[in-house]
Amino acid sequence: MIKFPEVPLGRGPVVMLNLVQFKDRSIYINEYLPAFNKVIAELGIEGVKVKFLGEVISNVIAEENEQWDEVLLVEYPSAEIFRSIAESEQYQLKANPLRIAGTAKLKLIMTRSIDY
């Protein structure tokens, strides 16, 4: 289930950290990701970018039961746009069932850049 915390509106891009444990990698990579991209196009949303997709090769500091297969960083123009995609009928019908079929476990963590 996706929880949508209250986030300050209009504060620019967010990057979603996706920690993925596969049930079926092929479904996730070959079906879910293309379906997700199609939904974005159908909604007319621009500026969603995969910033990084990487295979987890080792847990260095993590709980023993916390095993992930891949890490994905996706930038969205705003938290509102992420939410509008995730709540859209197109996403719920076309992409979300494939996400569920392809993943055994998934964590999504919303982040925002910090100036330091």
Protein backbone atom coordinates (compact mmCIF):
# COMPACT_ATOMS: atom_id res chain seq x y z
CA MET A 1 0.00 0.00 0.00
CA ILE A 2 1.23 3.49 -0.85
CA LYS A 3 0.99 6.06 1.93
CA PHE A 4 1.08 9.69 0.95
CA PRO A 5 2.51 11.80 3.73
CA GLU A 6 1.87 15.48 3.77
CA VAL A 7 4.79 17.13 2.03
CA PRO A 8 5.34 20.84 1.50
CA LEU A 9 3.80 21.75 -1.84
CA GLY A 10 5.67 23.42 -4.65
CA ARG A 11 9.15 22.79 -3.35
CA GLY A 12 10.59 21.30 -6.49
CA PRO A 13 11.69 17.84 -7.52
CA VAL A 14 11.68 14.72 -5.39
CA VAL A 15 13.69 11.56 -5.90
CA MET A 16 12.08 8.26 -5.01
CA LEU A 17 14.44 5.62 -3.64
CA ASN A 18 13.03 2.22 -4.66
CA LEU A 19 14.41 -0.84 -2.88
CA VAL A 20 13.23 -3.87 -4.81
CA GLN A 21 13.18 -7.57 -4.02
CA PHE A 22 11.91 -9.49 -7.03
CA LYS A 23 9.28 -12.14 -7.24
CA ASP A 24 9.78 -12.09 -11.02
CA ARG A 25 12.50 -9.76 -12.33
CA SER A 26 11.39 -10.24 -15.94
CA ILE A 27 7.88 -8.95 -15.19
CA TYR A 28 9.27 -5.94 -13.34
CA ILE A 29 11.89 -4.96 -15.91
CA ASN A 30 10.21 -6.03 -19.16
CA GLU A 31 6.57 -5.32 -18.37
CA TYR A 32 6.15 -3.01 -15.36
CA LEU A 33 8.74 -0.38 -16.29
CA PRO A 34 7.44 -0.03 -19.90
CA ALA A 35 3.84 0.10 -18.61
CA PHE A 36 4.86 2.79 -16.10
CA ASN A 37 6.45 4.83 -18.91
CA LYS A 38 3.32 4.42 -21.05
CA VAL A 39 1.13 5.67 -18.20
CA ILE A 40 3.34 8.75 -17.79
CA ALA A 41 3.02 9.45 -21.53
CA GLU A 42 -0.77 8.96 -21.46
CA LEU A 43 -1.02 11.39 -18.54
CA GLY A 44 1.07 13.93 -20.47
CA ILE A 45 3.62 14.18 -17.69
CA GLU A 46 7.15 15.24 -18.54
CA GLY A 47 10.30 15.36 -16.46
CA VAL A 48 10.16 11.92 -14.81
CA LYS A 49 13.68 10.49 -15.06
CA VAL A 50 15.36 7.29 -13.96
CA LYS A 51 18.53 8.62 -12.33
CA PHE A 52 20.02 5.26 -11.37
CA LEU A 53 19.25 1.55 -11.66
CA GLY A 54 21.67 -0.77 -9.94
CA GLU A 55 22.02 -4.33 -8.78
CA VAL A 56 22.59 -4.81 -5.05
CA ILE A 57 25.84 -6.73 -4.68
CA SER A 58 26.22 -6.67 -0.90
CA ASN A 59 24.55 -5.40 2.25
CA VAL A 60 27.18 -3.52 4.21
CA ILE A 61 25.08 -2.03 7.00
CA ALA A 62 21.59 -3.56 7.01
CA GLU A 63 19.37 -5.87 8.95
CA GLU A 64 20.10 -9.53 8.22
CA ASN A 65 16.56 -10.08 6.94
CA GLU A 66 16.76 -7.03 4.68
CA GLN A 67 17.74 -8.37 1.27
CA TRP A 68 17.25 -6.29 -1.88
CA ASP A 69 17.90 -7.19 -5.51
CA GLU A 70 17.98 -3.73 -7.09
CA VAL A 71 17.96 -0.06 -6.23
CA LEU A 72 16.20 2.43 -8.45
CA LEU A 73 16.27 6.23 -8.14
CA VAL A 74 13.51 8.05 -10.02
CA GLU A 75 13.22 11.83 -10.11
CA TYR A 76 9.80 13.46 -10.33
CA PRO A 77 9.24 17.18 -10.95
CA SER A 78 7.31 17.36 -7.66
CA ALA A 79 5.74 15.25 -4.92
CA GLU A 80 2.35 16.21 -6.35
CA ILE A 81 3.23 14.73 -9.74
CA PHE A 82 4.40 11.47 -8.13
CA ARG A 83 1.12 11.29 -6.25
CA SER A 84 -0.97 12.09 -9.33
CA ILE A 85 0.70 9.24 -11.22
CA ALA A 86 0.36 6.71 -8.40
CA GLU A 87 -3.30 7.59 -7.80
CA SER A 88 -4.27 7.71 -11.47
CA GLU A 89 -6.69 5.18 -12.89
CA GLN A 90 -4.22 4.44 -15.70
CA TYR A 91 -1.48 3.50 -13.22
CA GLN A 92 -3.83 1.42 -11.07
CA LEU A 93 -5.14 -0.53 -14.08
CA LYS A 94 -2.08 -0.84 -16.33
CA ALA A 95 1.11 -0.65 -14.26
CA ASN A 96 0.36 -1.41 -10.61
CA PRO A 97 -0.76 -5.03 -11.21
CA LEU A 98 2.57 -5.66 -12.96
CA ARG A 99 4.49 -4.04 -10.09
CA ILE A 100 2.70 -6.33 -7.66
CA ALA A 101 3.33 -9.39 -9.86
CA GLY A 102 7.03 -8.59 -10.21
CA THR A 103 7.96 -7.67 -6.65
CA ALA A 104 8.18 -9.73 -3.50
CA LYS A 105 9.09 -6.68 -1.38
CA LEU A 106 9.34 -3.01 -2.18
CA LYS A 107 10.26 0.09 -0.21
CA LEU A 108 9.67 3.57 -1.59
CA ILE A 109 11.34 6.45 0.18
CA MET A 110 10.64 10.02 -0.97
CA THR A 111 13.65 12.31 -0.83
CA ARG A 112 14.37 15.93 -1.65
CA SER A 113 17.77 17.49 -2.36
CA ILE A 114 19.43 19.39 0.49
CA ASP A 115 21.67 22.36 -0.11
CA TYR A 116 24.72 22.13 2.11
